[in-house]
Protein backbone atom coordinates (compact mmCIF):
# COMPACT_ATOMS: atom_id res chain seq x y z
CA MET A 1 0.63 -9.56 -4.13
CA VAL A 2 -0.72 -5.90 -4.62
CA LYS A 3 -1.15 -4.13 -7.80
CA VAL A 4 -1.79 -0.64 -8.83
CA VAL A 5 -5.24 0.32 -9.71
CA HIS A 6 -4.98 3.71 -9.97
CA LYS A 7 -2.02 6.32 -10.08
CA GLU A 8 -3.08 9.19 -12.18
CA VAL A 9 -4.10 11.80 -9.15
CA ARG A 10 -0.38 12.82 -7.86
CA GLY A 11 -0.45 12.16 -4.23
CA ARG A 12 -2.86 9.45 -3.97
CA VAL A 13 -2.60 5.79 -5.32
CA ARG A 14 -4.95 3.09 -4.82
CA LEU A 15 -3.80 -0.64 -4.63
CA ARG A 16 -5.58 -4.08 -4.95
CA VAL A 17 -4.29 -6.90 -2.21
CA ILE A 18 -4.40 -10.11 -2.87
CA GLY A 19 -5.55 -11.57 0.75
CA LEU A 20 -6.87 -8.72 2.25
CA LYS A 21 -10.68 -9.17 0.99
CA ASN A 22 -12.71 -9.93 3.94
CA SER A 23 -9.69 -10.58 6.45
CA GLU A 24 -9.95 -8.07 9.57
CA ASP A 25 -6.47 -9.18 10.73
CA PHE A 26 -4.91 -8.38 7.26
CA LYS A 27 -6.62 -4.79 7.40
CA GLU A 28 -5.14 -4.89 10.66
CA TYR A 29 -1.28 -5.80 10.21
CA LEU A 30 -1.61 -3.06 7.25
CA SER A 31 -3.35 -0.41 9.36
CA TYR A 32 -0.55 -0.85 11.92
CA ASN A 33 2.55 -0.53 9.61
CA LEU A 34 1.14 2.23 7.47
CA ARG A 35 0.59 4.28 10.99
CA GLY A 36 4.11 5.06 11.51
CA VAL A 37 5.09 6.51 7.61
CA ASP A 38 5.70 10.18 7.73
CA PHE A 39 5.59 10.81 4.02
CA ILE A 40 1.12 9.05 4.37
CA HIS A 41 -1.19 11.88 5.21
CA ASP A 42 -4.50 9.28 5.41
CA PHE A 43 -5.20 5.85 3.91
CA SER A 44 -8.36 3.69 3.61
CA ILE A 45 -8.98 -0.18 3.79
CA ASN A 46 -12.04 -1.09 1.77
CA LEU A 47 -12.18 -5.10 2.51
CA ILE A 48 -15.43 -5.59 0.30
CA THR A 49 -12.65 -4.73 -2.61
CA GLY A 50 -9.96 -5.60 -1.33
CA SER A 51 -8.19 -2.21 -1.95
CA LEU A 52 -6.01 0.53 -0.18
CA LEU A 53 -6.41 4.00 -0.97
CA ILE A 54 -3.23 6.28 0.22
CA HIS A 55 -3.48 9.97 0.42
CA TYR A 56 0.74 10.58 0.24
CA LYS A 57 2.89 13.91 0.17
CA LYS A 58 2.81 14.79 -3.42
CA GLU A 59 6.43 15.67 -3.26
CA LYS A 60 6.89 11.85 -3.14
CA THR A 61 7.02 9.92 -6.43
CA LEU A 62 4.92 6.86 -6.89
CA ASN A 63 8.18 4.94 -6.59
CA GLU A 64 8.92 6.20 -3.41
CA VAL A 65 5.61 5.32 -2.23
CA ILE A 66 5.55 1.91 -2.85
CA TYR A 67 8.97 0.93 -2.24
CA GLN A 68 10.11 3.28 0.58
CA ASN A 69 9.80 1.43 3.89
CA SER A 70 6.68 1.26 4.57
CA GLY A 71 6.94 -1.55 6.96
CA ILE A 72 5.38 -3.74 4.69
CA LYS A 73 5.82 -6.96 2.87
CA MET A 74 4.47 -6.91 -0.36
CA LYS A 75 5.09 -7.83 -3.62
CA ILE A 76 4.15 -5.82 -6.52
CA SER A 77 2.83 -5.86 -9.71
CA MET A 78 2.98 -2.70 -12.26
CA LYS A 79 2.59 -2.92 -15.60
CA GLY A 80 3.12 -6.71 -15.94
CA LYS A 81 6.14 -6.49 -14.17
CA VAL A 82 6.59 -8.20 -10.45
CA LYS A 83 8.25 -6.77 -8.04
CA TYR A 84 9.36 -7.50 -4.27
CA LEU A 85 8.68 -5.13 -1.56
CA ASP A 86 10.58 -6.64 1.56
CA LEU A 87 10.45 -4.36 4.17
CA GLU A 88 9.19 -6.33 7.52
CA ARG A 89 8.27 -4.91 10.94
CA GLU A 90 8.19 -7.07 14.44
CA LEU A 91 4.48 -6.32 15.47
């Protein structure tokens, strides 16, 4: 599950990713899949906090960033509503 932690700055979003904390394998999986997304300028993964910081093109909306094909299968939780993002890519 992924929870939006901070989204106030356009072009930047911080996500808390369940299962990411202390997981080098999950970090590699996310890194592999996020590298190919054209609208993401940069991202950083913090294994201590289990968070993912994404810097993206300001022209994109937060929904586009989260729900467009990024090659990741995630369950997204925003404002108490759970939605599923099912975008898989073969490794």
